[in-house]
Amino acid sequence: MHNLAIVIPAYKLTFLEDALKSISSQANKNFTLYIGDDNSPDDLYAVVKKYEKIIDIVYKKFEENLGAITL
């Protein structure tokens, strides 16, 4: 069990890739990364797959764009 959870709401492919690159370079990998795909038109999961072996990732694609609602 990890002591830290990182949550990324994702929509733009370029921002997600930069974030994953930065997170994967951390020396301490004692965390779980949760990514909420806000129904992006881009294939965010293709990028997520590249990092699944390096980072403990939980990925969820929403069926509709939730935007800035309160979860």
Protein backbone atom coordinates (compact mmCIF):
# COMPACT_ATOMS: atom_id res chain seq x y z
CA MET A 1 0.00 0.00 0.00
CA HIS A 2 1.32 3.41 -0.96
CA ASN A 3 1.43 6.37 1.40
CA LEU A 4 0.73 8.99 -1.24
CA ALA A 5 -1.90 9.44 -3.95
CA ILE A 6 -1.46 11.81 -6.87
CA VAL A 7 -4.58 12.76 -8.82
CA ILE A 8 -4.43 14.23 -12.33
CA PRO A 9 -7.58 15.41 -14.09
CA ALA A 10 -6.58 15.08 -17.75
CA TYR A 11 -7.85 16.48 -21.03
CA LYS A 12 -4.89 17.76 -23.07
CA LEU A 13 -2.46 15.14 -24.36
CA THR A 14 0.61 17.40 -24.22
CA PHE A 15 0.06 18.36 -20.59
CA LEU A 16 -0.47 14.74 -19.54
CA GLU A 17 2.66 13.51 -21.27
CA ASP A 18 4.77 16.22 -19.62
CA ALA A 19 3.29 15.39 -16.21
CA LEU A 20 3.91 11.65 -16.60
CA LYS A 21 7.48 12.25 -17.71
CA SER A 22 8.12 14.40 -14.64
CA ILE A 23 6.41 12.00 -12.22
CA SER A 24 8.23 8.96 -13.65
CA SER A 25 11.60 10.62 -12.98
CA GLN A 26 10.97 10.79 -9.22
CA ALA A 27 13.35 8.66 -7.18
CA ASN A 28 10.67 7.67 -4.65
CA LYS A 29 7.92 5.70 -6.40
CA ASN A 30 5.91 5.02 -3.23
CA PHE A 31 2.68 6.48 -4.62
CA THR A 32 -0.36 5.67 -6.72
CA LEU A 33 -1.20 7.95 -9.62
CA TYR A 34 -4.90 8.36 -10.42
CA ILE A 35 -5.72 9.80 -13.84
CA GLY A 36 -9.24 10.95 -14.68
CA ASP A 37 -9.64 11.31 -18.46
CA ASP A 38 -12.34 13.96 -18.93
CA ASN A 39 -13.50 12.36 -22.21
CA SER A 40 -10.63 13.87 -24.17
CA PRO A 41 -10.78 13.63 -27.97
CA ASP A 42 -7.10 12.59 -27.80
CA ASP A 43 -6.06 9.01 -27.04
CA LEU A 44 -4.70 9.66 -23.55
CA TYR A 45 -4.56 5.96 -22.71
CA ALA A 46 -1.92 5.41 -25.41
CA VAL A 47 0.40 7.68 -23.41
CA VAL A 48 -0.64 6.19 -20.06
CA LYS A 49 0.27 2.69 -21.31
CA LYS A 50 3.88 3.79 -21.84
CA TYR A 51 4.22 4.59 -18.12
CA GLU A 52 2.21 1.77 -16.51
CA LYS A 53 5.33 -0.37 -16.03
CA ILE A 54 7.16 2.49 -14.33
CA ILE A 55 4.37 4.05 -12.22
CA ASP A 56 1.45 2.51 -10.31
CA ILE A 57 -1.39 4.07 -12.35
CA VAL A 58 -5.17 3.84 -11.99
CA TYR A 59 -6.78 5.22 -15.17
CA LYS A 60 -10.47 6.13 -15.58
CA LYS A 61 -12.03 7.56 -18.76
CA PHE A 62 -15.30 9.37 -18.16
CA GLU A 63 -18.05 8.79 -20.74
CA GLU A 64 -18.88 12.48 -20.90
CA ASN A 65 -16.88 15.64 -20.34
CA LEU A 66 -17.44 16.68 -16.74
CA GLY A 67 -15.61 20.00 -17.04
CA ALA A 68 -15.33 22.03 -13.87
CA ILE A 69 -18.10 20.41 -11.83
CA THR A 70 -17.76 19.56 -8.18
CA LEU A 71 -17.07 15.87 -7.76
